[in-house]
Amino acid sequence: MNKYYDPKLSLEILQTYQGYSLQVFTSGRIKLSFHISHIQRVGYYAKRPKRFHEAYAKQRHRSSQGFPKHFALVDRIFETSPNTLIHRIHLKADNNATADRAHVLTDISNDRCHVILNTLCHRWDLPKDVTQALHLRGGPKRGTASIFNEYMPSYEHDWEDASFALEDYQHGYREQHNTRGIADQNEDRFDF
């Protein structure tokens, strides 16, 4: 195998996790948190490169022989939905630890997100505002809460292909709140 193989995303290891959380931020980033236990998690970020078609072509070229079923699945989704953004997945705190057999695809025409882990595909229907944030990437990269945060418990489908609709979510879209600190807010109160 190559250095882009992450054993924590193998189907055997995925089946040991209790589930995962999908979080979307206004910066256009997606965070996947795989729950080992209630407290312990393995975190990954999905980020769309500026030239995501070229980046995906490089990944495909270097890893398609090792993961042919994964890349065939990604290609099939990409062909059926041409307005799809490809996000590369990397280990949290290490942009160079790219996982070539894991991708997030965002279909901006149909407001859908596909989380593809090996040959496993989870389709998440997203609120329109969340899809817009992934497309525009206009928010700050740090210091803001997620606008979408949902948890997929593994006991509901035992790590099989699944689809999640808007009515399945506990919260769905979360309105962005003022994230200024208390000190910043107090500065506005001075009367001179």
N, C-alpha and C. Protein backbone atom coordinates (compact mmCIF):
# COMPACT_ATOMS: atom_id res chain seq x y z
N MET A 1 0.84 -1.19 0.00
CA MET A 1 0.00 0.00 0.00
C MET A 1 0.88 1.25 0.00
N ASN A 2 0.24 2.38 -0.14
CA ASN A 2 1.00 3.63 -0.16
C ASN A 2 0.83 4.39 1.15
N LYS A 3 1.49 5.53 1.25
CA LYS A 3 1.43 6.31 2.49
C LYS A 3 0.09 7.01 2.69
N TYR A 4 -0.79 6.97 1.71
CA TYR A 4 -2.10 7.61 1.82
C TYR A 4 -3.18 6.66 2.33
N TYR A 5 -2.75 5.52 2.81
CA TYR A 5 -3.65 4.53 3.38
C TYR A 5 -3.77 4.80 4.87
N ASP A 6 -4.96 5.06 5.37
CA ASP A 6 -5.18 5.29 6.80
C ASP A 6 -5.96 4.11 7.36
N PRO A 7 -5.31 3.27 8.17
CA PRO A 7 -6.01 2.07 8.68
C PRO A 7 -7.21 2.40 9.56
N LYS A 8 -7.27 3.62 10.15
CA LYS A 8 -8.42 3.96 11.00
C LYS A 8 -9.71 4.13 10.19
N LEU A 9 -9.58 4.19 8.86
CA LEU A 9 -10.76 4.30 8.00
C LEU A 9 -11.06 3.01 7.24
N SER A 10 -10.43 1.92 7.64
CA SER A 10 -10.75 0.63 7.02
C SER A 10 -12.12 0.18 7.51
N LEU A 11 -12.80 -0.63 6.71
CA LEU A 11 -14.14 -1.08 7.11
C LEU A 11 -14.11 -1.87 8.41
N GLU A 12 -13.03 -2.60 8.65
CA GLU A 12 -12.92 -3.37 9.88
C GLU A 12 -12.87 -2.44 11.10
N ILE A 13 -12.10 -1.38 11.01
CA ILE A 13 -11.99 -0.43 12.13
C ILE A 13 -13.25 0.41 12.24
N LEU A 14 -13.83 0.83 11.12
CA LEU A 14 -15.07 1.61 11.16
C LEU A 14 -16.16 0.88 11.95
N GLN A 15 -16.21 -0.43 11.80
CA GLN A 15 -17.24 -1.21 12.48
C GLN A 15 -17.06 -1.24 14.00
N THR A 16 -15.90 -0.84 14.49
CA THR A 16 -15.69 -0.77 15.94
C THR A 16 -16.13 0.57 16.52
N TYR A 17 -16.34 1.58 15.67
CA TYR A 17 -16.76 2.89 16.14
C TYR A 17 -18.25 2.89 16.48
N GLN A 18 -18.63 3.74 17.41
CA GLN A 18 -20.03 3.85 17.82
C GLN A 18 -20.85 4.71 16.86
N GLY A 19 -20.21 5.36 15.93
CA GLY A 19 -20.87 6.23 14.97
C GLY A 19 -19.96 7.39 14.64
N TYR A 20 -20.51 8.38 13.96
CA TYR A 20 -19.72 9.57 13.66
C TYR A 20 -20.61 10.80 13.58
N SER A 21 -19.98 11.95 13.78
CA SER A 21 -20.66 13.24 13.67
C SER A 21 -20.22 13.91 12.39
N LEU A 22 -21.15 14.55 11.72
CA LEU A 22 -20.88 15.35 10.53
C LEU A 22 -21.15 16.81 10.90
N GLN A 23 -20.12 17.62 10.86
CA GLN A 23 -20.26 19.04 11.16
C GLN A 23 -19.85 19.85 9.93
N VAL A 24 -20.59 20.91 9.66
CA VAL A 24 -20.28 21.80 8.54
C VAL A 24 -20.09 23.20 9.10
N PHE A 25 -19.06 23.88 8.61
CA PHE A 25 -18.73 25.24 9.05
C PHE A 25 -18.89 26.21 7.89
N THR A 26 -19.12 27.49 8.20
CA THR A 26 -19.31 28.50 7.15
C THR A 26 -18.04 28.71 6.33
N SER A 27 -16.90 28.25 6.80
CA SER A 27 -15.66 28.35 6.04
C SER A 27 -15.63 27.35 4.89
N GLY A 28 -16.62 26.47 4.82
CA GLY A 28 -16.66 25.46 3.77
C GLY A 28 -16.00 24.16 4.17
N ARG A 29 -15.56 24.07 5.42
CA ARG A 29 -14.94 22.84 5.90
C ARG A 29 -15.98 21.93 6.53
N ILE A 30 -15.67 20.65 6.49
CA ILE A 30 -16.51 19.62 7.09
C ILE A 30 -15.65 18.86 8.08
N LYS A 31 -16.20 18.59 9.24
CA LYS A 31 -15.48 17.80 10.23
C LYS A 31 -16.21 16.49 10.44
N LEU A 32 -15.47 15.39 10.35
CA LEU A 32 -15.99 14.06 10.63
C LEU A 32 -15.33 13.59 11.92
N SER A 33 -16.12 13.31 12.93
CA SER A 33 -15.60 12.83 14.22
C SER A 33 -16.12 11.41 14.43
N PHE A 34 -15.22 10.44 14.37
CA PHE A 34 -15.59 9.04 14.58
C PHE A 34 -15.49 8.73 16.06
N HIS A 35 -16.58 8.25 16.65
CA HIS A 35 -16.69 8.05 18.08
C HIS A 35 -16.22 6.65 18.47
N ILE A 36 -15.07 6.59 19.13
CA ILE A 36 -14.57 5.33 19.66
C ILE A 36 -15.35 5.01 20.94
N SER A 37 -15.54 6.02 21.76
CA SER A 37 -16.35 5.91 22.97
C SER A 37 -17.10 7.23 23.12
N HIS A 38 -17.77 7.39 24.24
CA HIS A 38 -18.51 8.63 24.47
C HIS A 38 -17.59 9.85 24.50
N ILE A 39 -16.35 9.64 24.94
CA ILE A 39 -15.40 10.74 25.07
C ILE A 39 -14.32 10.72 23.99
N GLN A 40 -13.82 9.55 23.65
CA GLN A 40 -12.69 9.43 22.73
C GLN A 40 -13.16 9.40 21.27
N ARG A 41 -12.53 10.27 20.45
CA ARG A 41 -12.92 10.39 19.04
C ARG A 41 -11.68 10.50 18.15
N VAL A 42 -11.86 10.12 16.90
CA VAL A 42 -10.84 10.30 15.88
C VAL A 42 -11.40 11.35 14.92
N GLY A 43 -10.67 12.45 14.74
CA GLY A 43 -11.19 13.56 13.94
C GLY A 43 -10.51 13.70 12.59
N TYR A 44 -11.33 14.02 11.60
CA TYR A 44 -10.86 14.29 10.24
C TYR A 44 -11.55 15.56 9.75
N TYR A 45 -10.88 16.27 8.86
CA TYR A 45 -11.49 17.41 8.18
C TYR A 45 -11.58 17.11 6.70
N ALA A 46 -12.65 17.58 6.10
CA ALA A 46 -12.81 17.51 4.65
C ALA A 46 -12.78 18.94 4.14
N LYS A 47 -11.91 19.17 3.20
CA LYS A 47 -11.72 20.52 2.66
C LYS A 47 -11.66 20.42 1.15
N ARG A 48 -12.32 21.38 0.50
CA ARG A 48 -12.30 21.41 -0.97
C ARG A 48 -11.12 22.25 -1.43
N PRO A 49 -10.18 21.65 -2.13
CA PRO A 49 -9.07 22.44 -2.69
C PRO A 49 -9.59 23.41 -3.75
N LYS A 50 -8.85 24.48 -4.00
CA LYS A 50 -9.27 25.45 -5.01
C LYS A 50 -9.45 24.79 -6.37
N ARG A 51 -8.51 23.95 -6.74
CA ARG A 51 -8.61 23.22 -8.01
C ARG A 51 -8.92 21.76 -7.69
N PHE A 52 -10.15 21.52 -7.23
CA PHE A 52 -10.49 20.20 -6.71
C PHE A 52 -10.50 19.12 -7.77
N HIS A 53 -10.79 19.47 -9.04
CA HIS A 53 -10.74 18.46 -10.10
C HIS A 53 -9.32 17.94 -10.29
N GLU A 54 -8.35 18.85 -10.30
CA GLU A 54 -6.95 18.46 -10.45
C GLU A 54 -6.48 17.67 -9.24
N ALA A 55 -6.85 18.09 -8.05
CA ALA A 55 -6.44 17.38 -6.83
C ALA A 55 -7.01 15.96 -6.81
N TYR A 56 -8.27 15.82 -7.21
CA TYR A 56 -8.87 14.49 -7.26
C TYR A 56 -8.19 13.63 -8.32
N ALA A 57 -7.86 14.21 -9.46
CA ALA A 57 -7.17 13.45 -10.51
C ALA A 57 -5.83 12.91 -10.01
N LYS A 58 -5.11 13.72 -9.22
CA LYS A 58 -3.84 13.26 -8.66
C LYS A 58 -4.05 12.10 -7.68
N GLN A 59 -5.06 12.24 -6.83
CA GLN A 59 -5.37 11.16 -5.89
C GLN A 59 -5.74 9.89 -6.65
N ARG A 60 -6.56 10.06 -7.65
CA ARG A 60 -7.01 8.90 -8.44
C ARG A 60 -5.84 8.22 -9.12
N HIS A 61 -4.94 9.02 -9.68
CA HIS A 61 -3.77 8.48 -10.38
C HIS A 61 -2.87 7.67 -9.43
N ARG A 62 -2.64 8.19 -8.22
CA ARG A 62 -1.71 7.52 -7.32
C ARG A 62 -2.34 6.35 -6.56
N SER A 63 -3.67 6.32 -6.41
CA SER A 63 -4.28 5.32 -5.53
C SER A 63 -5.38 4.48 -6.16
N SER A 64 -5.71 4.68 -7.42
CA SER A 64 -6.85 3.94 -7.99
C SER A 64 -6.57 2.44 -8.10
N GLN A 65 -5.32 2.05 -8.25
CA GLN A 65 -5.04 0.62 -8.30
C GLN A 65 -5.22 -0.03 -6.94
N GLY A 66 -4.93 0.69 -5.87
CA GLY A 66 -5.10 0.15 -4.53
C GLY A 66 -6.54 0.16 -4.06
N PHE A 67 -7.33 1.12 -4.53
CA PHE A 67 -8.73 1.27 -4.09
C PHE A 67 -9.66 1.42 -5.30
N PRO A 68 -9.71 0.46 -6.21
CA PRO A 68 -10.50 0.65 -7.43
C PRO A 68 -12.00 0.79 -7.18
N LYS A 69 -12.55 0.07 -6.20
CA LYS A 69 -13.99 0.17 -5.94
C LYS A 69 -14.36 1.53 -5.36
N HIS A 70 -13.49 2.07 -4.52
CA HIS A 70 -13.75 3.40 -3.95
C HIS A 70 -13.80 4.45 -5.05
N PHE A 71 -12.81 4.47 -5.92
CA PHE A 71 -12.77 5.49 -6.97
C PHE A 71 -13.86 5.29 -8.01
N ALA A 72 -14.27 4.04 -8.24
CA ALA A 72 -15.40 3.80 -9.15
C ALA A 72 -16.69 4.38 -8.56
N LEU A 73 -16.87 4.25 -7.24
CA LEU A 73 -18.04 4.81 -6.57
C LEU A 73 -18.03 6.33 -6.64
N VAL A 74 -16.89 6.95 -6.36
CA VAL A 74 -16.78 8.40 -6.43
C VAL A 74 -17.07 8.88 -7.86
N ASP A 75 -16.49 8.21 -8.84
CA ASP A 75 -16.70 8.59 -10.24
C ASP A 75 -18.16 8.46 -10.65
N ARG A 76 -18.83 7.41 -10.18
CA ARG A 76 -20.24 7.20 -10.52
C ARG A 76 -21.11 8.33 -9.96
N ILE A 77 -20.85 8.72 -8.72
CA ILE A 77 -21.62 9.82 -8.13
C ILE A 77 -21.32 11.13 -8.85
N PHE A 78 -20.06 11.34 -9.14
CA PHE A 78 -19.65 12.57 -9.82
C PHE A 78 -20.25 12.65 -11.23
N GLU A 79 -20.35 11.53 -11.93
CA GLU A 79 -20.94 11.53 -13.28
C GLU A 79 -22.44 11.79 -13.26
N THR A 80 -23.15 11.29 -12.25
CA THR A 80 -24.60 11.49 -12.20
C THR A 80 -24.98 12.88 -11.71
N SER A 81 -24.06 13.55 -11.03
CA SER A 81 -24.32 14.90 -10.52
C SER A 81 -23.14 15.80 -10.88
N PRO A 82 -23.19 16.44 -12.05
CA PRO A 82 -22.05 17.23 -12.50
C PRO A 82 -21.75 18.47 -11.65
N ASN A 83 -22.71 18.98 -10.90
CA ASN A 83 -22.47 20.13 -10.01
C ASN A 83 -22.07 19.65 -8.62
N THR A 84 -21.05 18.82 -8.59
CA THR A 84 -20.59 18.22 -7.35
C THR A 84 -19.20 18.73 -7.01
N LEU A 85 -19.02 19.10 -5.75
CA LEU A 85 -17.73 19.54 -5.24
C LEU A 85 -17.06 18.36 -4.55
N ILE A 86 -15.76 18.21 -4.74
CA ILE A 86 -15.03 17.10 -4.14
C ILE A 86 -14.16 17.66 -3.01
N HIS A 87 -14.35 17.12 -1.82
CA HIS A 87 -13.58 17.52 -0.65
C HIS A 87 -12.61 16.40 -0.31
N ARG A 88 -11.35 16.74 -0.12
CA ARG A 88 -10.39 15.73 0.30
C ARG A 88 -10.39 15.64 1.81
N ILE A 89 -10.20 14.45 2.34
CA ILE A 89 -10.25 14.21 3.77
C ILE A 89 -8.83 14.04 4.29
N HIS A 90 -8.54 14.75 5.39
CA HIS A 90 -7.24 14.60 6.03
C HIS A 90 -7.43 14.51 7.54
N LEU A 91 -6.45 13.93 8.19
CA LEU A 91 -6.47 13.78 9.63
C LEU A 91 -6.47 15.15 10.29
N LYS A 92 -7.21 15.29 11.37
CA LYS A 92 -7.26 16.55 12.09
C LYS A 92 -5.84 16.92 12.54
N ALA A 93 -5.47 18.18 12.36
CA ALA A 93 -4.17 18.74 12.73
C ALA A 93 -3.02 18.28 11.84
N ASP A 94 -3.32 17.62 10.72
CA ASP A 94 -2.25 17.23 9.80
C ASP A 94 -2.79 17.28 8.37
N ASN A 95 -2.62 18.41 7.71
CA ASN A 95 -3.13 18.58 6.34
C ASN A 95 -2.49 17.62 5.34
N ASN A 96 -1.32 17.11 5.67
CA ASN A 96 -0.63 16.21 4.75
C ASN A 96 -1.06 14.76 4.90
N ALA A 97 -1.79 14.43 5.94
CA ALA A 97 -2.25 13.05 6.15
C ALA A 97 -3.56 12.83 5.42
N THR A 98 -3.49 12.87 4.10
CA THR A 98 -4.67 12.69 3.26
C THR A 98 -5.07 11.23 3.20
N ALA A 99 -6.34 10.98 3.32
CA ALA A 99 -6.88 9.62 3.21
C ALA A 99 -7.45 9.46 1.80
N ASP A 100 -6.77 8.71 0.95
CA ASP A 100 -7.19 8.60 -0.44
C ASP A 100 -8.40 7.71 -0.64
N ARG A 101 -8.78 6.95 0.35
CA ARG A 101 -9.98 6.11 0.16
C ARG A 101 -11.17 6.65 0.94
N ALA A 102 -11.16 7.96 1.16
CA ALA A 102 -12.28 8.62 1.82
C ALA A 102 -12.47 9.99 1.17
N HIS A 103 -13.70 10.29 0.79
CA HIS A 103 -14.02 11.58 0.17
C HIS A 103 -15.39 12.04 0.65
N VAL A 104 -15.59 13.34 0.58
CA VAL A 104 -16.91 13.92 0.78
C VAL A 104 -17.25 14.64 -0.51
N LEU A 105 -18.41 14.32 -1.07
CA LEU A 105 -18.89 14.96 -2.29
C LEU A 105 -20.13 15.77 -1.95
N THR A 106 -20.16 17.02 -2.37
CA THR A 106 -21.32 17.87 -2.12
C THR A 106 -21.98 18.19 -3.44
N ASP A 107 -23.19 17.71 -3.61
CA ASP A 107 -24.00 17.99 -4.80
C ASP A 107 -24.76 19.28 -4.52
N ILE A 108 -24.28 20.40 -5.08
CA ILE A 108 -24.88 21.69 -4.76
C ILE A 108 -26.21 21.90 -5.47
N SER A 109 -26.50 21.14 -6.51
CA SER A 109 -27.80 21.27 -7.20
C SER A 109 -28.92 20.61 -6.41
N ASN A 110 -28.61 19.49 -5.76
CA ASN A 110 -29.63 18.72 -5.05
C ASN A 110 -29.52 18.82 -3.54
N ASP A 111 -28.62 19.66 -3.03
CA ASP A 111 -28.44 19.85 -1.58
C ASP A 111 -28.18 18.52 -0.87
N ARG A 112 -27.14 17.83 -1.37
CA ARG A 112 -26.78 16.54 -0.79
C ARG A 112 -25.28 16.47 -0.54
N CYS A 113 -24.95 15.69 0.44
CA CYS A 113 -23.55 15.44 0.79
C CYS A 113 -23.38 13.92 0.84
N HIS A 114 -22.38 13.42 0.14
CA HIS A 114 -22.07 11.99 0.15
C HIS A 114 -20.76 11.80 0.91
N VAL A 115 -20.81 11.06 2.00
CA VAL A 115 -19.60 10.69 2.73
C VAL A 115 -19.25 9.29 2.26
N ILE A 116 -18.09 9.18 1.59
CA ILE A 116 -17.68 7.89 1.03
C ILE A 116 -16.44 7.43 1.76
N LEU A 117 -16.58 6.32 2.45
CA LEU A 117 -15.49 5.71 3.21
C LEU A 117 -15.28 4.32 2.63
N ASN A 118 -14.20 4.14 1.91
CA ASN A 118 -13.94 2.90 1.18
C ASN A 118 -15.06 2.69 0.17
N THR A 119 -15.87 1.66 0.35
CA THR A 119 -17.01 1.41 -0.54
C THR A 119 -18.33 1.71 0.15
N LEU A 120 -18.27 2.27 1.33
CA LEU A 120 -19.45 2.65 2.10
C LEU A 120 -19.87 4.06 1.71
N CYS A 121 -21.15 4.26 1.46
CA CYS A 121 -21.62 5.59 1.07
C CYS A 121 -22.81 5.99 1.93
N HIS A 122 -22.68 7.13 2.59
CA HIS A 122 -23.78 7.72 3.35
C HIS A 122 -24.19 9.00 2.65
N ARG A 123 -25.47 9.09 2.32
CA ARG A 123 -26.00 10.29 1.68
C ARG A 123 -26.75 11.12 2.71
N TRP A 124 -26.30 12.35 2.87
CA TRP A 124 -26.92 13.29 3.81
C TRP A 124 -27.62 14.38 3.00
N ASP A 125 -28.93 14.50 3.15
CA ASP A 125 -29.64 15.64 2.59
C ASP A 125 -29.35 16.83 3.49
N LEU A 126 -28.98 17.95 2.89
CA LEU A 126 -28.59 19.12 3.66
C LEU A 126 -29.57 20.27 3.47
N PRO A 127 -29.75 21.10 4.49
CA PRO A 127 -30.52 22.33 4.30
C PRO A 127 -29.80 23.22 3.28
N LYS A 128 -30.55 23.99 2.53
CA LYS A 128 -29.99 24.83 1.47
C LYS A 128 -28.90 25.78 1.99
N ASP A 129 -29.07 26.36 3.18
CA ASP A 129 -28.07 27.26 3.74
C ASP A 129 -26.74 26.56 4.00
N VAL A 130 -26.79 25.30 4.35
CA VAL A 130 -25.56 24.53 4.60
C VAL A 130 -24.84 24.28 3.28
N THR A 131 -25.59 23.91 2.25
CA THR A 131 -24.99 23.70 0.94
C THR A 131 -24.37 24.99 0.42
N GLN A 132 -25.04 26.10 0.62
CA GLN A 132 -24.50 27.40 0.20
C GLN A 132 -23.18 27.71 0.89
N ALA A 133 -23.10 27.41 2.19
CA ALA A 133 -21.86 27.66 2.93
C ALA A 133 -20.72 26.81 2.40
N LEU A 134 -21.01 25.56 2.04
CA LEU A 134 -19.97 24.70 1.47
C LEU A 134 -19.52 25.20 0.10
N HIS A 135 -20.45 25.77 -0.63
CA HIS A 135 -20.13 26.27 -1.97
C HIS A 135 -19.36 27.60 -1.90
N LEU A 136 -19.80 28.53 -1.07
CA LEU A 136 -19.22 29.87 -1.05
C LEU A 136 -17.96 29.98 -0.19
N ARG A 137 -17.85 29.20 0.88
CA ARG A 137 -16.68 29.19 1.78
C ARG A 137 -16.32 30.59 2.27
N GLY A 138 -17.31 31.35 2.72
CA GLY A 138 -17.09 32.74 3.09
C GLY A 138 -16.86 33.03 4.55
N GLY A 139 -17.03 32.05 5.42
CA GLY A 139 -16.91 32.30 6.85
C GLY A 139 -15.49 32.16 7.36
N PRO A 140 -15.27 32.57 8.62
CA PRO A 140 -13.94 32.44 9.21
C PRO A 140 -13.56 30.98 9.44
N LYS A 141 -12.26 30.70 9.41
CA LYS A 141 -11.79 29.33 9.59
C LYS A 141 -11.72 28.91 11.05
N ARG A 142 -11.66 29.87 11.95
CA ARG A 142 -11.55 29.54 13.37
C ARG A 142 -12.52 30.39 14.18
N GLY A 143 -12.90 29.86 15.34
CA GLY A 143 -13.67 30.64 16.29
C GLY A 143 -15.16 30.69 16.06
N THR A 144 -15.69 29.88 15.16
CA THR A 144 -17.14 29.87 14.95
C THR A 144 -17.69 28.46 15.15
N ALA A 145 -18.90 28.41 15.59
CA ALA A 145 -19.57 27.12 15.77
C ALA A 145 -20.02 26.58 14.42
N SER A 146 -20.29 25.30 14.39
CA SER A 146 -20.78 24.69 13.15
C SER A 146 -22.21 25.14 12.87
N ILE A 147 -22.57 25.17 11.60
CA ILE A 147 -23.94 25.51 11.22
C ILE A 147 -24.77 24.25 11.01
N PHE A 148 -24.11 23.10 11.01
CA PHE A 148 -24.79 21.82 10.88
C PHE A 148 -23.98 20.81 11.68
N ASN A 149 -24.64 20.07 12.57
CA ASN A 149 -23.95 19.07 13.39
C ASN A 149 -24.93 17.96 13.69
N GLU A 150 -24.74 16.85 13.04
CA GLU A 150 -25.62 15.71 13.26
C GLU A 150 -24.78 14.46 13.52
N TYR A 151 -25.35 13.57 14.29
CA TYR A 151 -24.68 12.34 14.70
C TYR A 151 -25.34 11.14 14.06
N MET A 152 -24.53 10.23 13.54
CA MET A 152 -25.01 9.00 12.94
C MET A 152 -24.61 7.85 13.86
N PRO A 153 -25.53 7.31 14.65
CA PRO A 153 -25.17 6.16 15.50
C PRO A 153 -25.06 4.88 14.68
N SER A 154 -24.03 4.12 14.90
CA SER A 154 -23.80 2.92 14.09
C SER A 154 -24.80 1.82 14.36
N TYR A 155 -25.42 1.80 15.54
CA TYR A 155 -26.36 0.71 15.84
C TYR A 155 -27.61 0.76 14.98
N GLU A 156 -27.86 1.86 14.30
CA GLU A 156 -29.06 1.94 13.47
C GLU A 156 -28.91 1.21 12.14
N HIS A 157 -27.68 1.04 11.65
CA HIS A 157 -27.53 0.35 10.37
C HIS A 157 -26.24 -0.45 10.25
N ASP A 158 -25.46 -0.55 11.31
CA ASP A 158 -24.25 -1.38 11.33
C ASP A 158 -23.30 -1.10 10.17
N TRP A 159 -23.03 0.16 9.92
CA TRP A 159 -22.06 0.62 8.92
C TRP A 159 -22.37 0.06 7.52
N GLU A 160 -23.59 0.22 7.11
CA GLU A 160 -24.01 -0.11 5.76
C GLU A 160 -24.34 1.18 5.04
N ASP A 161 -24.52 1.11 3.73
CA ASP A 161 -24.93 2.30 2.98
C ASP A 161 -26.25 2.80 3.58
N ALA A 162 -26.35 4.12 3.69
CA ALA A 162 -27.55 4.70 4.30
C ALA A 162 -27.80 6.09 3.75
N SER A 163 -29.04 6.54 3.89
CA SER A 163 -29.43 7.90 3.51
C SER A 163 -30.08 8.56 4.71
N PHE A 164 -29.77 9.84 4.89
CA PHE A 164 -30.33 10.61 6.00
C PHE A 164 -31.05 11.82 5.42
N ALA A 165 -32.32 11.95 5.75
CA ALA A 165 -33.15 13.04 5.24
C ALA A 165 -33.28 14.15 6.29
N LEU A 166 -33.76 15.29 5.85
CA LEU A 166 -33.89 16.44 6.75
C LEU A 166 -34.74 16.12 7.98
N GLU A 167 -35.77 15.31 7.82
CA GLU A 167 -36.64 14.99 8.95
C GLU A 167 -35.98 14.05 9.96
N ASP A 168 -34.83 13.44 9.59
CA ASP A 168 -34.10 12.57 10.51
C ASP A 168 -33.25 13.35 11.52
N TYR A 169 -33.01 14.61 11.25
CA TYR A 169 -32.06 15.38 12.06
C TYR A 169 -32.72 15.94 13.30
N GLN A 170 -31.91 16.03 14.36
CA GLN A 170 -32.39 16.63 15.59
C GLN A 170 -32.41 18.15 15.48
N HIS A 171 -31.40 18.73 14.83
CA HIS A 171 -31.30 20.18 14.77
C HIS A 171 -31.32 20.73 13.35
N GLY A 172 -30.63 20.09 12.41
CA GLY A 172 -30.54 20.61 11.05
C GLY A 172 -29.68 21.86 11.00
N TYR A 173 -30.14 22.86 10.27
CA TYR A 173 -29.37 24.09 10.12
C TYR A 173 -29.38 24.87 11.43
N ARG A 174 -28.22 25.39 11.80
CA ARG A 174 -28.09 26.21 13.00
C ARG A 174 -27.72 27.62 12.60
N GLU A 175 -28.50 28.55 13.01
CA GLU A 175 -28.24 29.96 12.70
C GLU A 175 -26.91 30.37 13.32
N GLN A 176 -26.10 31.10 12.56
CA GLN A 176 -24.81 31.57 13.07
C GLN A 176 -25.04 32.72 14.05
N HIS A 177 -24.44 32.62 15.21
CA HIS A 177 -24.59 33.65 16.25
C HIS A 177 -23.36 34.53 16.29
N ASN A 178 -23.48 35.66 16.96
CA ASN A 178 -22.36 36.56 17.15
C ASN A 178 -21.29 35.84 17.97
N THR A 179 -20.08 35.76 17.45
CA THR A 179 -19.02 35.02 18.13
C THR A 179 -17.98 35.93 18.75
N ARG A 180 -18.26 37.21 18.81
CA ARG A 180 -17.32 38.14 19.45
C ARG A 180 -17.22 37.83 20.92
N GLY A 181 -16.04 38.04 21.48
CA GLY A 181 -15.82 37.78 22.89
C GLY A 181 -16.50 38.80 23.79
N ILE A 182 -16.59 38.49 25.06
CA ILE A 182 -17.22 39.39 26.02
C ILE A 182 -16.46 40.70 26.11
N ALA A 183 -15.13 40.65 26.06
CA ALA A 183 -14.33 41.89 26.13
C ALA A 183 -14.66 42.79 24.95
N ASP A 184 -14.83 42.21 23.75
CA ASP A 184 -15.18 43.00 22.57
C ASP A 184 -16.55 43.64 22.73
N GLN A 185 -17.49 42.90 23.31
CA GLN A 185 -18.83 43.44 23.49
C GLN A 185 -18.84 44.57 24.50
N ASN A 186 -18.01 44.46 25.54
CA ASN A 186 -17.96 45.49 26.57
C ASN A 186 -17.36 46.79 26.03
N GLU A 187 -16.48 46.70 25.04
CA GLU A 187 -15.88 47.91 24.46
C GLU A 187 -16.96 48.80 23.86
N ASP A 188 -18.01 48.19 23.32
CA ASP A 188 -19.08 48.95 22.68
C ASP A 188 -19.92 49.72 23.70
N ARG A 189 -19.79 49.42 24.98
CA ARG A 189 -20.65 50.02 26.00
C ARG A 189 -20.06 51.27 26.64
N PHE A 190 -18.83 51.61 26.33
CA PHE A 190 -18.22 52.78 26.95
C PHE A 190 -18.90 54.05 26.47
N ASP A 191 -19.24 54.90 27.40
CA ASP A 191 -19.82 56.21 27.08
C ASP A 191 -18.78 57.26 27.39
N PHE A 192 -18.39 58.00 26.39
CA PHE A 192 -17.37 59.05 26.58
C PHE A 192 -18.00 60.40 26.54
